[in-house]
C-alpha atoms as a PDB file:
ATOM      1  CA  UNK A   1     165.247  80.358 244.340  1.00  0.00           C
ATOM      2  CA  UNK A   2     165.518  76.806 242.997  1.00  0.00           C
ATOM      3  CA  UNK A   3     166.678  73.688 244.761  1.00  0.00           C
ATOM      4  CA  UNK A   4     166.984  69.893 244.331  1.00  0.00           C
ATOM      5  CA  UNK A   5     167.644  67.114 246.822  1.00  0.00           C
ATOM      6  CA  UNK A   6     170.299  65.294 244.778  1.00  0.00           C
ATOM      7  CA  UNK A   7     169.934  62.280 247.048  1.00  0.00           C
ATOM      8  CA  UNK A   8     169.068  61.538 250.602  1.00  0.00           C
ATOM      9  CA  UNK A   9     169.589  58.557 252.876  1.00  0.00           C
ATOM     10  CA  UNK A  10     172.273  56.400 254.694  1.00  0.00           C
ATOM     11  CA  UNK A  11     174.146  55.892 251.401  1.00  0.00           C
ATOM     12  CA  UNK A  12     174.589  59.598 250.586  1.00  0.00           C
ATOM     13  CA  UNK A  13     173.146  63.058 250.913  1.00  0.00           C
ATOM     14  CA  UNK A  14     173.496  66.312 248.940  1.00  0.00           C
ATOM     15  CA  UNK A  15     171.312  69.273 248.159  1.00  0.00           C
ATOM     16  CA  UNK A  16     171.703  71.944 245.468  1.00  0.00           C
ATOM     17  CA  UNK A  17     170.416  75.423 245.979  1.00  0.00           C
ATOM     18  CA  UNK A  18     170.591  78.270 243.408  1.00  0.00           C
ATOM     19  CA  UNK A  19     169.333  81.897 243.043  1.00  0.00           C
ATOM     20  CA  UNK A  20     170.448  84.406 240.609  1.00  0.00           C
ATOM     21  CA  UNK A  21     174.038  83.745 239.609  1.00  0.00           C
ATOM     22  CA  UNK A  22     174.961  81.926 242.812  1.00  0.00           C
ATOM     23  CA  UNK A  23     174.571  78.306 243.858  1.00  0.00           C
ATOM     24  CA  UNK A  24     175.756  76.085 246.786  1.00  0.00           C
ATOM     25  CA  UNK A  25     175.719  72.418 247.800  1.00  0.00           C
ATOM     26  CA  UNK A  26     174.675  71.373 251.308  1.00  0.00           C
ATOM     27  CA  UNK A  27     176.733  68.321 251.958  1.00  0.00           C
ATOM     28  CA  UNK A  28     178.341  66.158 249.251  1.00  0.00           C
ATOM     29  CA  UNK A  29     178.009  62.539 250.394  1.00  0.00           C
ATOM     30  CA  UNK A  30     178.456  60.814 246.980  1.00  0.00           C
ATOM     31  CA  UNK A  31     181.500  60.235 244.872  1.00  0.00           C
ATOM     32  CA  UNK A  32     182.541  63.117 242.612  1.00  0.00           C
ATOM     33  CA  UNK A  33     181.447  61.099 239.570  1.00  0.00           C
ATOM     34  CA  UNK A  34     177.977  60.340 240.973  1.00  0.00           C
ATOM     35  CA  UNK A  35     177.500  64.092 242.156  1.00  0.00           C
ATOM     36  CA  UNK A  36     178.230  65.309 238.595  1.00  0.00           C
ATOM     37  CA  UNK A  37     175.890  62.709 237.165  1.00  0.00           C
ATOM     38  CA  UNK A  38     173.064  63.860 239.397  1.00  0.00           C
ATOM     39  CA  UNK A  39     173.791  67.547 238.819  1.00  0.00           C
ATOM     40  CA  UNK A  40     173.573  66.998 235.020  1.00  0.00           C
ATOM     41  CA  UNK A  41     170.351  65.120 235.472  1.00  0.00           C
ATOM     42  CA  UNK A  42     168.764  68.393 236.721  1.00  0.00           C
ATOM     43  CA  UNK A  43     170.445  70.619 234.045  1.00  0.00           C
ATOM     44  CA  UNK A  44     173.250  71.842 236.188  1.00  0.00           C
ATOM     45  CA  UNK A  45     177.030  71.243 236.493  1.00  0.00           C
ATOM     46  CA  UNK A  46     179.467  71.129 239.466  1.00  0.00           C
ATOM     47  CA  UNK A  47     181.328  73.922 237.749  1.00  0.00           C
ATOM     48  CA  UNK A  48     178.208  76.070 238.721  1.00  0.00           C
ATOM     49  CA  UNK A  49     178.749  75.577 242.421  1.00  0.00           C
ATOM     50  CA  UNK A  50     180.183  78.480 244.414  1.00  0.00           C
ATOM     51  CA  UNK A  51     180.539  76.688 247.736  1.00  0.00           C
ATOM     52  CA  UNK A  52     179.857  73.503 249.707  1.00  0.00           C
ATOM     53  CA  UNK A  53     178.412  73.803 253.265  1.00  0.00           C
ATOM     54  CA  UNK A  54     178.914  70.778 255.587  1.00  0.00           C
ATOM     55  CA  UNK A  55     176.400  69.692 258.253  1.00  0.00           C
ATOM     56  CA  UNK A  56     178.611  67.041 259.971  1.00  0.00           C
ATOM     57  CA  UNK A  57     181.331  64.552 259.402  1.00  0.00           C
ATOM     58  CA  UNK A  58     179.411  61.296 258.795  1.00  0.00           C
ATOM     59  CA  UNK A  59     180.513  59.770 255.482  1.00  0.00           C
ATOM     60  CA  UNK A  60     177.154  59.800 253.874  1.00  0.00           C
ATOM     61  CA  UNK A  61     177.447  63.618 254.025  1.00  0.00           C
ATOM     62  CA  UNK A  62     181.152  64.220 253.141  1.00  0.00           C
ATOM     63  CA  UNK A  63     182.283  61.405 250.920  1.00  0.00           C
ATOM     64  CA  UNK A  64     182.699  63.673 247.920  1.00  0.00           C
ATOM     65  CA  UNK A  65     183.536  66.966 249.637  1.00  0.00           C
ATOM     66  CA  UNK A  66     187.345  66.737 249.276  1.00  0.00           C
ATOM     67  CA  UNK A  67     187.469  65.485 245.749  1.00  0.00           C
ATOM     68  CA  UNK A  68     184.956  67.950 244.254  1.00  0.00           C
ATOM     69  CA  UNK A  69     186.475  70.796 246.213  1.00  0.00           C
ATOM     70  CA  UNK A  70     189.901  70.058 244.664  1.00  0.00           C
ATOM     71  CA  UNK A  71     188.680  69.179 241.173  1.00  0.00           C
ATOM     72  CA  UNK A  72     186.277  72.066 240.689  1.00  0.00           C
ATOM     73  CA  UNK A  73     188.038  74.618 242.910  1.00  0.00           C
ATOM     74  CA  UNK A  74     184.952  74.935 245.269  1.00  0.00           C
ATOM     75  CA  UNK A  75     185.505  76.569 248.744  1.00  0.00           C
ATOM     76  CA  UNK A  76     184.094  74.520 251.648  1.00  0.00           C
ATOM     77  CA  UNK A  77     182.316  76.177 254.676  1.00  0.00           C
ATOM     78  CA  UNK A  78     182.466  74.095 257.761  1.00  0.00           C
ATOM     79  CA  UNK A  79     182.725  74.649 261.439  1.00  0.00           C
ATOM     80  CA  UNK A  80     185.847  74.000 263.346  1.00  0.00           C
ATOM     81  CA  UNK A  81     184.974  70.812 265.284  1.00  0.00           C
ATOM     82  CA  UNK A  82     183.490  69.256 262.119  1.00  0.00           C
ATOM     83  CA  UNK A  83     186.558  70.058 260.087  1.00  0.00           C
ATOM     84  CA  UNK A  84     188.810  68.534 262.841  1.00  0.00           C
ATOM     85  CA  UNK A  85     186.713  65.280 262.766  1.00  0.00           C
ATOM     86  CA  UNK A  86     186.362  65.053 258.982  1.00  0.00           C
ATOM     87  CA  UNK A  87     190.005  66.114 258.063  1.00  0.00           C
ATOM     88  CA  UNK A  88     191.331  62.613 257.404  1.00  0.00           C
ATOM     89  CA  UNK A  89     188.370  61.694 255.196  1.00  0.00           C
ATOM     90  CA  UNK A  90     188.139  64.795 253.077  1.00  0.00           C
ATOM     91  CA  UNK A  91     191.980  65.637 252.777  1.00  0.00           C
ATOM     92  CA  UNK A  92     193.157  68.914 251.441  1.00  0.00           C
ATOM     93  CA  UNK A  93     190.539  71.423 250.264  1.00  0.00           C
ATOM     94  CA  UNK A  94     190.661  74.100 247.602  1.00  0.00           C
ATOM     95  CA  UNK A  95     189.746  76.714 250.192  1.00  0.00           C
ATOM     96  CA  UNK A  96     188.099  76.648 253.585  1.00  0.00           C
ATOM     97  CA  UNK A  97     185.745  79.021 255.295  1.00  0.00           C
ATOM     98  CA  UNK A  98     185.316  78.218 259.090  1.00  0.00           C
ATOM     99  CA  UNK A  99     182.022  79.442 260.603  1.00  0.00           C
ATOM    100  CA  UNK A 100     180.734  79.572 264.067  1.00  0.00           C
ATOM    101  CA  UNK A 101     177.361  78.120 264.586  1.00  0.00           C
ATOM    102  CA  UNK A 102     174.655  80.791 264.138  1.00  0.00           C
ATOM    103  CA  UNK A 103     176.930  82.886 261.772  1.00  0.00           C
ATOM    104  CA  UNK A 104     175.692  84.060 258.511  1.00  0.00           C
ATOM    105  CA  UNK A 105     177.904  83.346 255.468  1.00  0.00           C
ATOM    106  CA  UNK A 106     177.329  85.225 252.216  1.00  0.00           C
ATOM    107  CA  UNK A 107     177.883  83.475 248.854  1.00  0.00           C
ATOM    108  CA  UNK A 108     177.046  85.901 246.057  1.00  0.00           C
ATOM    109  CA  UNK A 109     173.206  86.245 245.986  1.00  0.00           C
ATOM    110  CA  UNK A 110     172.818  83.773 248.862  1.00  0.00           C
ATOM    111  CA  UNK A 111     173.031  84.028 252.589  1.00  0.00           C
ATOM    112  CA  UNK A 112     173.606  80.799 254.558  1.00  0.00           C
ATOM    113  CA  UNK A 113     172.961  80.683 258.344  1.00  0.00           C
ATOM    114  CA  UNK A 114     173.732  77.568 260.462  1.00  0.00           C
ATOM    115  CA  UNK A 115     171.916  76.408 263.630  1.00  0.00           C
ATOM    116  CA  UNK A 116     172.640  73.646 266.131  1.00  0.00           C
ATOM    117  CA  UNK A 117     170.941  70.278 265.858  1.00  0.00           C
ATOM    118  CA  UNK A 118     171.390  67.082 267.974  1.00  0.00           C
ATOM    119  CA  UNK A 119     173.252  64.158 266.397  1.00  0.00           C
ATOM    120  CA  UNK A 120     176.184  61.877 267.550  1.00  0.00           C
ATOM    121  CA  UNK A 121     178.889  63.929 265.844  1.00  0.00           C
ATOM    122  CA  UNK A 122     181.280  66.725 266.912  1.00  0.00           C
ATOM    123  CA  UNK A 123     179.204  69.840 266.149  1.00  0.00           C
ATOM    124  CA  UNK A 124     176.303  69.122 263.825  1.00  0.00           C
ATOM    125  CA  UNK A 125     174.249  71.804 262.226  1.00  0.00           C
ATOM    126  CA  UNK A 126     171.331  72.568 259.958  1.00  0.00           C
ATOM    127  CA  UNK A 127     171.087  75.465 257.535  1.00  0.00           C
ATOM    128  CA  UNK A 128     168.739  78.110 256.285  1.00  0.00           C
ATOM    129  CA  UNK A 129     169.457  79.403 252.884  1.00  0.00           C
ATOM    130  CA  UNK A 130     168.059  82.841 251.766  1.00  0.00           C
ATOM    131  CA  UNK A 131     168.228  84.926 248.689  1.00  0.00           C
ATOM    132  CA  UNK A 132     166.606  87.927 250.338  1.00  0.00           C
ATOM    133  CA  UNK A 133     163.273  86.897 249.142  1.00  0.00           C
ATOM    134  CA  UNK A 134     162.767  83.180 249.772  1.00  0.00           C
ATOM    135  CA  UNK A 135     164.234  80.950 252.369  1.00  0.00           C
ATOM    136  CA  UNK A 136     164.974  77.139 252.380  1.00  0.00           C
ATOM    137  CA  UNK A 137     165.506  75.240 255.650  1.00  0.00           C
ATOM    138  CA  UNK A 138     167.568  71.991 255.882  1.00  0.00           C
ATOM    139  CA  UNK A 139     167.013  69.900 258.894  1.00  0.00           C
ATOM    140  CA  UNK A 140     168.078  66.191 258.920  1.00  0.00           C
ATOM    141  CA  UNK A 141     170.192  64.028 261.108  1.00  0.00           C
ATOM    142  CA  UNK A 142     168.836  65.163 264.487  1.00  0.00           C
ATOM    143  CA  UNK A 143     167.459  62.965 267.148  1.00  0.00           C
ATOM    144  CA  UNK A 144     165.245  65.654 268.739  1.00  0.00           C
ATOM    145  CA  UNK A 145     163.777  69.081 267.777  1.00  0.00           C
ATOM    146  CA  UNK A 146     164.006  72.325 269.714  1.00  0.00           C
ATOM    147  CA  UNK A 147     162.518  75.713 269.965  1.00  0.00           C
ATOM    148  CA  UNK A 148     165.467  77.110 268.110  1.00  0.00           C
ATOM    149  CA  UNK A 149     164.946  74.639 265.160  1.00  0.00           C
ATOM    150  CA  UNK A 150     161.286  75.600 264.952  1.00  0.00           C
ATOM    151  CA  UNK A 151     162.150  79.263 264.971  1.00  0.00           C
ATOM    152  CA  UNK A 152     164.537  78.834 262.045  1.00  0.00           C
ATOM    153  CA  UNK A 153     162.119  76.661 260.103  1.00  0.00           C
ATOM    154  CA  UNK A 154     159.127  79.018 260.641  1.00  0.00           C
ATOM    155  CA  UNK A 155     160.943  81.647 258.661  1.00  0.00           C
ATOM    156  CA  UNK A 156     161.194  79.309 255.569  1.00  0.00           C
ATOM    157  CA  UNK A 157     159.105  79.022 252.438  1.00  0.00           C
ATOM    158  CA  UNK A 158     160.408  75.458 251.916  1.00  0.00           C
ATOM    159  CA  UNK A 159     161.907  72.905 254.247  1.00  0.00           C
ATOM    160  CA  UNK A 160     163.876  69.631 253.812  1.00  0.00           C
ATOM    161  CA  UNK A 161     163.043  67.605 256.903  1.00  0.00           C
ATOM    162  CA  UNK A 162     164.087  64.192 258.159  1.00  0.00           C
ATOM    163  CA  UNK A 163     161.467  61.445 258.255  1.00  0.00           C
ATOM    164  CA  UNK A 164     163.914  58.698 259.087  1.00  0.00           C
ATOM    165  CA  UNK A 165     162.089  55.688 260.517  1.00  0.00           C
ATOM    166  CA  UNK A 166     158.832  54.094 261.425  1.00  0.00           C
ATOM    167  CA  UNK A 167     158.954  53.059 265.079  1.00  0.00           C
ATOM    168  CA  UNK A 168     157.346  49.688 264.453  1.00  0.00           C
ATOM    169  CA  UNK A 169     159.510  48.919 261.516  1.00  0.00           C
ATOM    170  CA  UNK A 170     162.637  49.767 263.574  1.00  0.00           C
ATOM    171  CA  UNK A 171     161.517  47.738 266.614  1.00  0.00           C
ATOM    172  CA  UNK A 172     160.906  44.568 264.512  1.00  0.00           C
ATOM    173  CA  UNK A 173     163.410  45.120 261.795  1.00  0.00           C
ATOM    174  CA  UNK A 174     166.992  43.836 261.203  1.00  0.00           C
ATOM    175  CA  UNK A 175     168.863  46.330 263.351  1.00  0.00           C
ATOM    176  CA  UNK A 176     170.389  44.930 266.635  1.00  0.00           C
ATOM    177  CA  UNK A 177     169.181  46.521 269.912  1.00  0.00           C
ATOM    178  CA  UNK A 178     172.179  48.839 270.391  1.00  0.00           C
ATOM    179  CA  UNK A 179     171.779  50.318 266.819  1.00  0.00           C
ATOM    180  CA  UNK A 180     167.965  50.723 267.475  1.00  0.00           C
ATOM    181  CA  UNK A 181     168.808  52.574 270.622  1.00  0.00           C
ATOM    182  CA  UNK A 182     171.192  54.778 268.744  1.00  0.00           C
ATOM    183  CA  UNK A 183     168.639  55.635 266.057  1.00  0.00           C
ATOM    184  CA  UNK A 184     165.960  56.395 268.585  1.00  0.00           C
ATOM    185  CA  UNK A 185     168.136  58.405 271.007  1.00  0.00           C
ATOM    186  CA  UNK A 186     168.181  62.276 271.337  1.00  0.00           C
ATOM    187  CA  UNK A 187     171.385  62.163 269.131  1.00  0.00           C
ATOM    188  CA  UNK A 188     169.999  59.802 266.505  1.00  0.00           C
ATOM    189  CA  UNK A 189     167.297  60.384 263.878  1.00  0.00           C
ATOM    190  CA  UNK A 190     163.745  61.616 263.875  1.00  0.00           C
ATOM    191  CA  UNK A 191     160.892  59.087 263.547  1.00  0.00           C
ATOM    192  CA  UNK A 192     157.974  59.749 261.145  1.00  0.00           C
ATOM    193  CA  UNK A 193     155.817  60.483 264.210  1.00  0.00           C
ATOM    194  CA  UNK A 194     158.227  63.041 265.713  1.00  0.00           C
ATOM    195  CA  UNK A 195     158.897  64.694 262.427  1.00  0.00           C
ATOM    196  CA  UNK A 196     155.164  64.931 261.611  1.00  0.00           C
ATOM    197  CA  UNK A 197     154.501  66.513 265.019  1.00  0.00           C
ATOM    198  CA  UNK A 198     157.292  69.020 264.401  1.00  0.00           C
ATOM    199  CA  UNK A 199     155.967  69.735 260.883  1.00  0.00           C
ATOM    200  CA  UNK A 200     152.409  70.397 262.244  1.00  0.00           C
ATOM    201  CA  UNK A 201     153.813  73.315 264.193  1.00  0.00           C
ATOM    202  CA  UNK A 202     155.279  74.872 261.050  1.00  0.00           C
ATOM    203  CA  UNK A 203     152.192  75.092 258.952  1.00  0.00           C
ATOM    204  CA  UNK A 204     149.881  78.081 258.508  1.00  0.00           C
ATOM    205  CA  UNK A 205     152.749  80.543 257.797  1.00  0.00           C
ATOM    206  CA  UNK A 206     155.155  80.935 254.891  1.00  0.00           C
ATOM    207  CA  UNK A 207     155.528  77.233 254.091  1.00  0.00           C
ATOM    208  CA  UNK A 208     155.041  76.257 250.440  1.00  0.00           C
ATOM    209  CA  UNK A 209     157.191  73.160 249.864  1.00  0.00           C
ATOM    210  CA  UNK A 210     158.099  70.233 252.118  1.00  0.00           C
ATOM    211  CA  UNK A 211     160.587  67.586 251.171  1.00  0.00           C
ATOM    212  CA  UNK A 212     160.719  64.421 253.362  1.00  0.00           C
ATOM    213  CA  UNK A 213     164.372  63.299 253.580  1.00  0.00           C
ATOM    214  CA  UNK A 214     166.771  60.778 254.973  1.00  0.00           C
ATOM    215  CA  UNK A 215     164.235  57.870 254.851  1.00  0.00           C
ATOM    216  CA  UNK A 216     165.742  54.662 256.175  1.00  0.00           C
ATOM    217  CA  UNK A 217     165.817  51.948 253.484  1.00  0.00           C
ATOM    218  CA  UNK A 218     165.427  49.139 256.187  1.00  0.00           C
ATOM    219  CA  UNK A 219     163.069  50.898 258.678  1.00  0.00           C
ATOM    220  CA  UNK A 220     160.721  53.051 256.733  1.00  0.00           C
ATOM    221  CA  UNK A 221     158.729  53.216 253.349  1.00  0.00           C
ATOM    222  CA  UNK A 222     157.805  56.116 251.221  1.00  0.00           C
ATOM    223  CA  UNK A 223     154.135  55.407 251.926  1.00  0.00           C
ATOM    224  CA  UNK A 224     154.436  55.445 255.692  1.00  0.00           C
ATOM    225  CA  UNK A 225     156.459  58.722 255.665  1.00  0.00           C
ATOM    226  CA  UNK A 226     154.117  60.362 253.323  1.00  0.00           C
ATOM    227  CA  UNK A 227     151.009  59.284 255.259  1.00  0.00           C
ATOM    228  CA  UNK A 228     152.520  60.678 258.462  1.00  0.00           C
ATOM    229  CA  UNK A 229     153.224  64.039 256.748  1.00  0.00           C
ATOM    230  CA  UNK A 230     149.864  64.213 255.026  1.00  0.00           C
ATOM    231  CA  UNK A 231     147.979  63.955 258.251  1.00  0.00           C
ATOM    232  CA  UNK A 232     149.373  67.214 259.516  1.00  0.00           C
ATOM    233  CA  UNK A 233     149.037  68.854 256.132  1.00  0.00           C
ATOM    234  CA  UNK A 234     145.283  68.211 255.679  1.00  0.00           C
ATOM    235  CA  UNK A 235     144.333  71.770 256.419  1.00  0.00           C
ATOM    236  CA  UNK A 236     147.183  73.184 254.281  1.00  0.00           C
ATOM    237  CA  UNK A 237     146.342  72.367 250.586  1.00  0.00           C
ATOM    238  CA  UNK A 238     148.820  75.133 249.582  1.00  0.00           C
ATOM    239  CA  UNK A 239     151.746  73.167 250.811  1.00  0.00           C
ATOM    240  CA  UNK A 240     153.269  70.807 248.212  1.00  0.00           C
ATOM    241  CA  UNK A 241     154.907  67.545 249.525  1.00  0.00           C
ATOM    242  CA  UNK A 242     157.794  65.798 247.994  1.00  0.00           C
ATOM    243  CA  UNK A 243     159.843  62.671 249.099  1.00  0.00           C
ATOM    244  CA  UNK A 244     163.512  62.651 248.442  1.00  0.00           C
ATOM    245  CA  UNK A 245     165.035  59.498 246.944  1.00  0.00           C
ATOM    246  CA  UNK A 246     168.331  57.788 247.678  1.00  0.00           C
ATOM    247  CA  UNK A 247     169.172  56.835 244.053  1.00  0.00           C
ATOM    248  CA  UNK A 248     168.183  59.794 242.034  1.00  0.00           C
ATOM    249  CA  UNK A 249     167.781  63.623 242.226  1.00  0.00           C
ATOM    250  CA  UNK A 250     164.498  65.366 242.679  1.00  0.00           C
ATOM    251  CA  UNK A 251     163.584  67.751 239.732  1.00  0.00           C
ATOM    252  CA  UNK A 252     164.315  71.350 240.573  1.00  0.00           C
ATOM    253  CA  UNK A 253     161.748  72.953 242.824  1.00  0.00           C
ATOM    254  CA  UNK A 254     161.154  76.656 242.273  1.00  0.00           C
ATOM    255  CA  UNK A 255     160.074  79.029 245.039  1.00  0.00           C
END
């Protein structure tokens, strides 16, 4: 299995996952032109993509879903409430697969299973992607973690996990109080501290690769997020740490 975070943050999110002859996108929060540019930067093409899986309806996760679905004839897998909320933004799709949360969807050599997360949208989800040998977990845009999330991530060899904000930077930063409260709420985003605590519970098992994702450009820094994660990985030298960027794709990571 290979994967790349094509970009992650408040201005756009997308992840490419490939195994064998099959590949999927998780979210498509950039323009079609930008998504193709980032795919080409990792030696791939949107014509390679067999399906797009959508986590929730915020624009930084769906901005390009409709256009690339139509242009490249890519089916979109989405749950019913998210589709209802996103319909006006994404428009007509090439094809749609409606899934129930927890259901496993097969796409060629890949299996994709959704699980419930906590965000201020209609029915947000995370995903675990498996090729029968390796598993990748995707968990961002959640204001709290749960036992179910931990169960799903413990089964994974790689995880993409939200490290959204530093609490002090958020408190003294440019966001007005109502927006700070939204970010810190149980339906907002994970702080570095909360994400690191969660990550510490996932070590010592199958985990090989960790990607820190959805870093706030105003309320976090790469160094602060990395420091928080490194503290809980001190006893796990086998785990490799990466930080996703907003403006460029990570090189393909192979499991």
